[in-house]
Protein backbone atom coordinates (compact mmCIF):
# COMPACT_ATOMS: atom_id res chain seq x y z
CA UNK A 1 14.82 -22.22 1.89
CA UNK A 2 18.57 -21.79 0.35
CA UNK A 3 19.32 -18.73 -1.59
CA UNK A 4 19.59 -19.94 -4.36
CA UNK A 5 16.73 -22.13 -3.98
CA UNK A 6 14.78 -18.87 -4.08
CA UNK A 7 16.39 -16.47 -6.43
CA UNK A 8 15.94 -20.26 -9.01
CA UNK A 9 12.20 -19.26 -7.95
CA UNK A 10 11.91 -16.09 -8.99
CA UNK A 11 13.37 -16.35 -12.83
CA UNK A 12 11.07 -18.86 -13.27
CA UNK A 13 8.53 -16.48 -12.50
CA UNK A 14 9.92 -14.45 -14.74
CA UNK A 15 10.25 -16.75 -17.49
CA UNK A 16 7.68 -19.05 -17.01
CA UNK A 17 4.60 -16.91 -15.90
CA UNK A 18 1.80 -14.70 -17.38
CA UNK A 19 2.44 -12.00 -20.71
CA UNK A 20 3.75 -9.26 -17.94
CA UNK A 21 5.23 -10.63 -15.46
CA UNK A 22 8.77 -10.27 -17.42
CA UNK A 23 9.72 -7.81 -15.11
CA UNK A 24 8.32 -7.85 -11.06
CA UNK A 25 8.73 -5.17 -7.99
CA UNK A 26 7.96 -5.20 -4.60
CA UNK A 27 5.25 -3.81 -5.20
CA UNK A 28 2.58 -6.23 -7.06
CA UNK A 29 0.69 -8.07 -5.21
CA UNK A 30 0.29 -11.41 -6.92
CA UNK A 31 4.23 -11.66 -6.73
CA UNK A 32 5.24 -11.12 -3.23
CA UNK A 33 2.45 -13.16 -2.17
CA UNK A 34 3.50 -16.11 -4.46
CA UNK A 35 7.31 -15.40 -3.14
CA UNK A 36 6.03 -15.69 0.33
CA UNK A 37 4.12 -18.77 -0.09
CA UNK A 38 6.85 -21.00 -2.04
CA UNK A 39 9.36 -19.42 0.22
CA UNK A 40 7.87 -19.32 3.47
CA UNK A 41 9.94 -16.36 3.72
CA UNK A 42 7.33 -14.11 6.35
CA UNK A 43 5.42 -10.74 5.51
CA UNK A 44 4.74 -7.92 7.24
CA UNK A 45 0.82 -7.20 5.25
CA UNK A 46 -0.31 -3.63 4.72
CA UNK A 47 -3.93 -2.15 5.20
CA UNK A 48 -3.28 -1.45 1.48
CA UNK A 49 -1.05 -2.56 -1.58
CA UNK A 50 1.11 -5.92 -1.38
CA UNK A 51 3.15 -7.00 2.49
CA UNK A 52 6.71 -6.04 2.85
CA UNK A 53 8.64 -8.90 2.26
CA UNK A 54 12.79 -7.73 3.78
CA UNK A 55 13.99 -12.02 2.14
CA UNK A 56 12.11 -11.04 -1.61
CA UNK A 57 13.90 -6.95 -1.19
CA UNK A 58 17.59 -8.81 -0.43
CA UNK A 59 17.02 -11.45 -3.48
CA UNK A 60 16.43 -8.84 -5.66
CA UNK A 61 19.15 -7.05 -3.99
CA UNK A 62 21.49 -9.67 -4.73
CA UNK A 63 19.89 -10.80 -7.91
CA UNK A 64 21.17 -7.66 -9.31
CA UNK A 65 24.46 -6.96 -8.23
CA UNK A 66 25.32 -11.19 -9.65
CA UNK A 67 24.40 -9.39 -12.70
CA UNK A 68 21.16 -12.08 -12.77
CA UNK A 69 18.47 -9.19 -12.84
CA UNK A 70 18.77 -6.06 -14.19
CA UNK A 71 16.61 -2.67 -12.79
CA UNK A 72 15.29 0.75 -13.08
CA UNK A 73 13.83 2.53 -11.58
CA UNK A 74 10.19 3.15 -11.62
CA UNK A 75 8.10 6.44 -10.52
CA UNK A 76 4.80 6.07 -8.81
CA UNK A 77 1.92 9.17 -9.53
CA UNK A 78 1.81 11.79 -6.77
CA UNK A 79 -1.59 10.07 -5.38
CA UNK A 80 0.22 6.65 -4.44
CA UNK A 81 2.91 8.61 -2.82
CA UNK A 82 0.10 10.69 -1.31
CA UNK A 83 -0.92 7.75 0.14
CA UNK A 84 1.76 5.92 1.86
CA UNK A 85 2.95 4.89 -0.83
CA UNK A 86 6.87 5.15 -2.25
CA UNK A 87 7.41 7.72 -4.70
CA UNK A 88 9.39 5.20 -6.94
CA UNK A 89 10.28 1.84 -6.57
CA UNK A 90 13.15 -1.23 -8.73
CA UNK A 91 11.64 -2.40 -11.34
CA UNK A 92 13.88 -5.63 -11.75
CA UNK A 93 13.51 -7.54 -15.53
CA UNK A 94 15.73 -10.60 -16.76
CA UNK A 95 18.81 -9.82 -18.75
CA UNK A 96 18.45 -9.82 -22.62
């Protein structure tokens, strides 16, 4: 799938999805798995939490750089960080 097609899929997920989908991050299992299924992107399954998908991270970063998405850092609780999760992740949203 071409980058523009993957990016359009991300935008559609955020615009047309259920409430709460207007913001996404790489720790959202439903989002990551749906993206991987739709785009056939490679994922690495983790013991806990969402699978890792490097292509999704690249697409989100490229969309932010192009001004298609906004981005903010979201901190995670101390308990999550001690279980191997990062201390923070970027959360992406559609520009107003």
